[in-house]
Amino acid sequence: MEPKPKELFSNFPLIYLRPREDREKPEIGIYNCPLYKVVSRVGTLSTTGHSTNFVMFMEVPTCEKEEMWILGGVASFLSLRY
């Protein structure tokens, strides 16, 4: 859901990651939320083409279109402080 007015950060529930082979990725109803190590979102470009601050994309369930979250700049962070 959208944040409250003037709310920069909000808590995200704990997520249990369970790897599965041959999993089919959902086409609709998810937002591929980028997960970063720190809030700055900057890092050096690695050989994979991603920032060294970037960790992974999390598939977050949503009823809204993915574009809404992208335009809002929604991302997750592992640490709010350095």
N, C-alpha and C. Protein backbone atom coordinates (compact mmCIF):
# COMPACT_ATOMS: atom_id res chain seq x y z
N MET A 1 0.83 -1.17 0.00
CA MET A 1 0.00 0.00 0.00
C MET A 1 0.87 1.24 0.00
N GLU A 2 0.29 2.34 -0.34
CA GLU A 2 1.05 3.58 -0.41
C GLU A 2 1.41 4.07 0.99
N PRO A 3 2.54 4.80 1.10
CA PRO A 3 2.94 5.29 2.42
C PRO A 3 2.04 6.43 2.90
N LYS A 4 2.12 6.70 4.19
CA LYS A 4 1.41 7.83 4.77
C LYS A 4 2.08 9.11 4.31
N PRO A 5 1.38 10.24 4.33
CA PRO A 5 2.01 11.51 3.94
C PRO A 5 3.27 11.81 4.76
N LYS A 6 4.31 12.25 4.09
CA LYS A 6 5.61 12.61 4.67
C LYS A 6 6.35 11.43 5.29
N GLU A 7 5.95 10.22 4.99
CA GLU A 7 6.64 9.03 5.50
C GLU A 7 7.68 8.59 4.48
N LEU A 8 8.96 8.72 4.84
CA LEU A 8 10.03 8.37 3.91
C LEU A 8 10.32 6.88 3.90
N PHE A 9 10.25 6.24 5.08
CA PHE A 9 10.56 4.83 5.19
C PHE A 9 9.48 4.14 6.00
N SER A 10 9.19 2.91 5.65
CA SER A 10 8.25 2.11 6.44
C SER A 10 8.81 0.69 6.55
N ASN A 11 8.37 -0.02 7.55
CA ASN A 11 8.85 -1.38 7.77
C ASN A 11 8.28 -2.34 6.74
N PHE A 12 9.05 -3.35 6.43
CA PHE A 12 8.63 -4.39 5.51
C PHE A 12 8.64 -5.69 6.29
N PRO A 13 7.65 -6.54 6.10
CA PRO A 13 7.64 -7.79 6.87
C PRO A 13 8.84 -8.68 6.53
N LEU A 14 9.20 -9.54 7.47
CA LEU A 14 10.28 -10.50 7.21
C LEU A 14 9.88 -11.42 6.07
N ILE A 15 10.86 -11.77 5.28
CA ILE A 15 10.61 -12.63 4.12
C ILE A 15 11.46 -13.89 4.24
N TYR A 16 10.84 -15.00 4.00
CA TYR A 16 11.53 -16.28 3.98
C TYR A 16 11.80 -16.63 2.52
N LEU A 17 13.06 -16.72 2.13
CA LEU A 17 13.43 -17.04 0.76
C LEU A 17 13.71 -18.53 0.65
N ARG A 18 12.95 -19.19 -0.20
CA ARG A 18 13.13 -20.62 -0.39
C ARG A 18 13.39 -20.88 -1.87
N PRO A 19 14.63 -21.22 -2.24
CA PRO A 19 14.94 -21.47 -3.64
C PRO A 19 14.23 -22.71 -4.18
N ARG A 20 13.78 -22.62 -5.43
CA ARG A 20 13.11 -23.74 -6.08
C ARG A 20 13.60 -23.86 -7.51
N GLU A 21 13.81 -25.07 -7.93
CA GLU A 21 14.22 -25.31 -9.31
C GLU A 21 13.00 -25.26 -10.22
N ASP A 22 13.20 -24.82 -11.45
CA ASP A 22 12.18 -24.80 -12.49
C ASP A 22 10.91 -24.06 -12.08
N ARG A 23 11.07 -22.99 -11.33
CA ARG A 23 9.93 -22.18 -10.91
C ARG A 23 9.50 -21.27 -12.03
N GLU A 24 8.19 -21.17 -12.27
CA GLU A 24 7.68 -20.26 -13.29
C GLU A 24 7.41 -18.91 -12.65
N LYS A 25 7.97 -17.87 -13.23
CA LYS A 25 7.82 -16.52 -12.71
C LYS A 25 6.42 -15.99 -13.03
N PRO A 26 5.71 -15.42 -12.05
CA PRO A 26 4.38 -14.87 -12.32
C PRO A 26 4.45 -13.70 -13.30
N GLU A 27 3.47 -13.61 -14.17
CA GLU A 27 3.44 -12.53 -15.17
C GLU A 27 2.74 -11.28 -14.65
N ILE A 28 1.71 -11.46 -13.82
CA ILE A 28 0.95 -10.32 -13.31
C ILE A 28 0.82 -10.42 -11.79
N GLY A 29 0.46 -9.28 -11.18
CA GLY A 29 0.21 -9.27 -9.75
C GLY A 29 1.44 -9.17 -8.87
N ILE A 30 2.59 -8.81 -9.46
CA ILE A 30 3.81 -8.64 -8.67
C ILE A 30 4.51 -7.35 -9.06
N TYR A 31 5.30 -6.83 -8.13
CA TYR A 31 6.20 -5.71 -8.40
C TYR A 31 7.60 -6.22 -8.13
N ASN A 32 8.47 -6.12 -9.11
CA ASN A 32 9.87 -6.51 -8.94
C ASN A 32 10.59 -5.38 -8.22
N CYS A 33 10.56 -5.45 -6.91
CA CYS A 33 11.11 -4.40 -6.05
C CYS A 33 12.63 -4.58 -5.91
N PRO A 34 13.40 -3.55 -6.28
CA PRO A 34 14.85 -3.67 -6.11
C PRO A 34 15.23 -3.63 -4.64
N LEU A 35 16.19 -4.46 -4.26
CA LEU A 35 16.68 -4.51 -2.90
C LEU A 35 18.13 -4.03 -2.92
N TYR A 36 18.42 -2.99 -2.12
CA TYR A 36 19.75 -2.42 -2.05
C TYR A 36 20.34 -2.61 -0.66
N LYS A 37 21.67 -2.54 -0.57
CA LYS A 37 22.34 -2.67 0.73
C LYS A 37 22.10 -1.43 1.59
N VAL A 38 22.29 -0.24 1.01
CA VAL A 38 22.13 1.02 1.74
C VAL A 38 21.23 1.97 0.96
N VAL A 39 20.76 3.01 1.62
CA VAL A 39 19.79 3.95 1.06
C VAL A 39 20.32 4.73 -0.14
N SER A 40 21.60 4.96 -0.22
CA SER A 40 22.16 5.83 -1.26
C SER A 40 21.90 5.32 -2.68
N ARG A 41 21.66 4.04 -2.85
CA ARG A 41 21.41 3.40 -4.15
C ARG A 41 22.57 3.54 -5.13
N VAL A 42 23.70 4.04 -4.69
CA VAL A 42 24.86 4.17 -5.58
C VAL A 42 25.92 3.16 -5.21
N GLY A 43 26.67 2.78 -6.16
CA GLY A 43 27.77 1.84 -5.98
C GLY A 43 28.55 1.83 -7.27
N THR A 44 29.60 1.07 -7.33
CA THR A 44 30.35 0.97 -8.57
C THR A 44 29.73 -0.10 -9.44
N LEU A 45 29.85 0.06 -10.71
CA LEU A 45 29.28 -0.90 -11.66
C LEU A 45 30.14 -2.16 -11.68
N SER A 46 29.51 -3.30 -11.45
CA SER A 46 30.25 -4.56 -11.42
C SER A 46 30.21 -5.22 -12.79
N THR A 47 30.87 -6.33 -12.92
CA THR A 47 30.91 -7.04 -14.21
C THR A 47 29.55 -7.61 -14.61
N THR A 48 28.62 -7.73 -13.64
CA THR A 48 27.28 -8.24 -13.97
C THR A 48 26.40 -7.16 -14.58
N GLY A 49 26.86 -5.90 -14.53
CA GLY A 49 26.07 -4.80 -15.06
C GLY A 49 25.21 -4.13 -14.01
N HIS A 50 25.22 -4.64 -12.79
CA HIS A 50 24.47 -4.04 -11.69
C HIS A 50 25.41 -3.29 -10.76
N SER A 51 24.84 -2.40 -9.98
CA SER A 51 25.60 -1.68 -8.98
C SER A 51 26.04 -2.65 -7.88
N THR A 52 27.17 -2.39 -7.26
CA THR A 52 27.62 -3.25 -6.15
C THR A 52 26.74 -3.06 -4.93
N ASN A 53 25.91 -2.03 -4.93
CA ASN A 53 24.95 -1.79 -3.85
C ASN A 53 23.67 -2.61 -4.06
N PHE A 54 23.41 -3.03 -5.28
CA PHE A 54 22.21 -3.79 -5.62
C PHE A 54 22.35 -5.23 -5.15
N VAL A 55 21.28 -5.79 -4.53
CA VAL A 55 21.33 -7.16 -4.05
C VAL A 55 20.53 -8.07 -4.96
N MET A 56 19.23 -7.78 -5.14
CA MET A 56 18.36 -8.63 -5.95
C MET A 56 17.02 -7.94 -6.15
N PHE A 57 16.18 -8.52 -6.99
CA PHE A 57 14.80 -8.08 -7.11
C PHE A 57 13.93 -8.99 -6.26
N MET A 58 13.00 -8.40 -5.51
CA MET A 58 12.04 -9.17 -4.73
C MET A 58 10.69 -9.08 -5.42
N GLU A 59 10.02 -10.20 -5.56
CA GLU A 59 8.69 -10.22 -6.15
C GLU A 59 7.67 -9.92 -5.07
N VAL A 60 7.17 -8.69 -5.04
CA VAL A 60 6.23 -8.25 -4.02
C VAL A 60 4.82 -8.30 -4.61
N PRO A 61 3.90 -9.02 -3.98
CA PRO A 61 2.53 -9.07 -4.49
C PRO A 61 1.86 -7.69 -4.45
N THR A 62 1.10 -7.36 -5.48
CA THR A 62 0.42 -6.07 -5.54
C THR A 62 -0.84 -6.17 -6.40
N CYS A 63 -1.80 -5.34 -6.08
CA CYS A 63 -3.02 -5.23 -6.90
C CYS A 63 -2.89 -4.10 -7.91
N GLU A 64 -1.91 -3.23 -7.70
CA GLU A 64 -1.68 -2.09 -8.58
C GLU A 64 -0.75 -2.49 -9.73
N LYS A 65 -0.72 -1.64 -10.75
CA LYS A 65 0.21 -1.88 -11.85
C LYS A 65 1.63 -1.60 -11.39
N GLU A 66 2.56 -2.34 -11.94
CA GLU A 66 3.97 -2.19 -11.56
C GLU A 66 4.48 -0.77 -11.82
N GLU A 67 3.96 -0.12 -12.85
CA GLU A 67 4.40 1.23 -13.20
C GLU A 67 4.17 2.23 -12.07
N MET A 68 3.11 2.02 -11.28
CA MET A 68 2.82 2.92 -10.16
C MET A 68 3.97 2.91 -9.16
N TRP A 69 4.48 1.73 -8.84
CA TRP A 69 5.56 1.61 -7.86
C TRP A 69 6.89 2.10 -8.45
N ILE A 70 7.09 1.87 -9.74
CA ILE A 70 8.32 2.34 -10.40
C ILE A 70 8.37 3.85 -10.40
N LEU A 71 7.25 4.50 -10.80
CA LEU A 71 7.20 5.96 -10.82
C LEU A 71 7.35 6.55 -9.42
N GLY A 72 6.90 5.82 -8.41
CA GLY A 72 7.05 6.28 -7.03
C GLY A 72 8.44 6.05 -6.47
N GLY A 73 9.29 5.34 -7.19
CA GLY A 73 10.66 5.08 -6.73
C GLY A 73 10.73 4.13 -5.56
N VAL A 74 9.79 3.21 -5.47
CA VAL A 74 9.73 2.27 -4.34
C VAL A 74 10.87 1.27 -4.43
N ALA A 75 11.60 1.13 -3.33
CA ALA A 75 12.71 0.18 -3.24
C ALA A 75 12.82 -0.30 -1.80
N SER A 76 13.54 -1.38 -1.59
CA SER A 76 13.79 -1.91 -0.25
C SER A 76 15.28 -1.79 0.04
N PHE A 77 15.58 -1.65 1.34
CA PHE A 77 16.96 -1.47 1.76
C PHE A 77 17.26 -2.41 2.92
N LEU A 78 18.46 -2.93 2.95
CA LEU A 78 18.88 -3.79 4.05
C LEU A 78 19.31 -2.98 5.26
N SER A 79 19.74 -1.74 5.03
CA SER A 79 20.19 -0.90 6.13
C SER A 79 19.83 0.55 5.84
N LEU A 80 19.25 1.25 6.82
CA LEU A 80 18.93 2.66 6.65
C LEU A 80 20.10 3.54 7.09
N ARG A 81 21.06 2.95 7.79
CA ARG A 81 22.24 3.68 8.22
C ARG A 81 23.47 2.98 7.66
N TYR A 82 24.54 3.76 7.50
CA TYR A 82 25.78 3.20 6.96
C TYR A 82 26.45 2.48 8.05
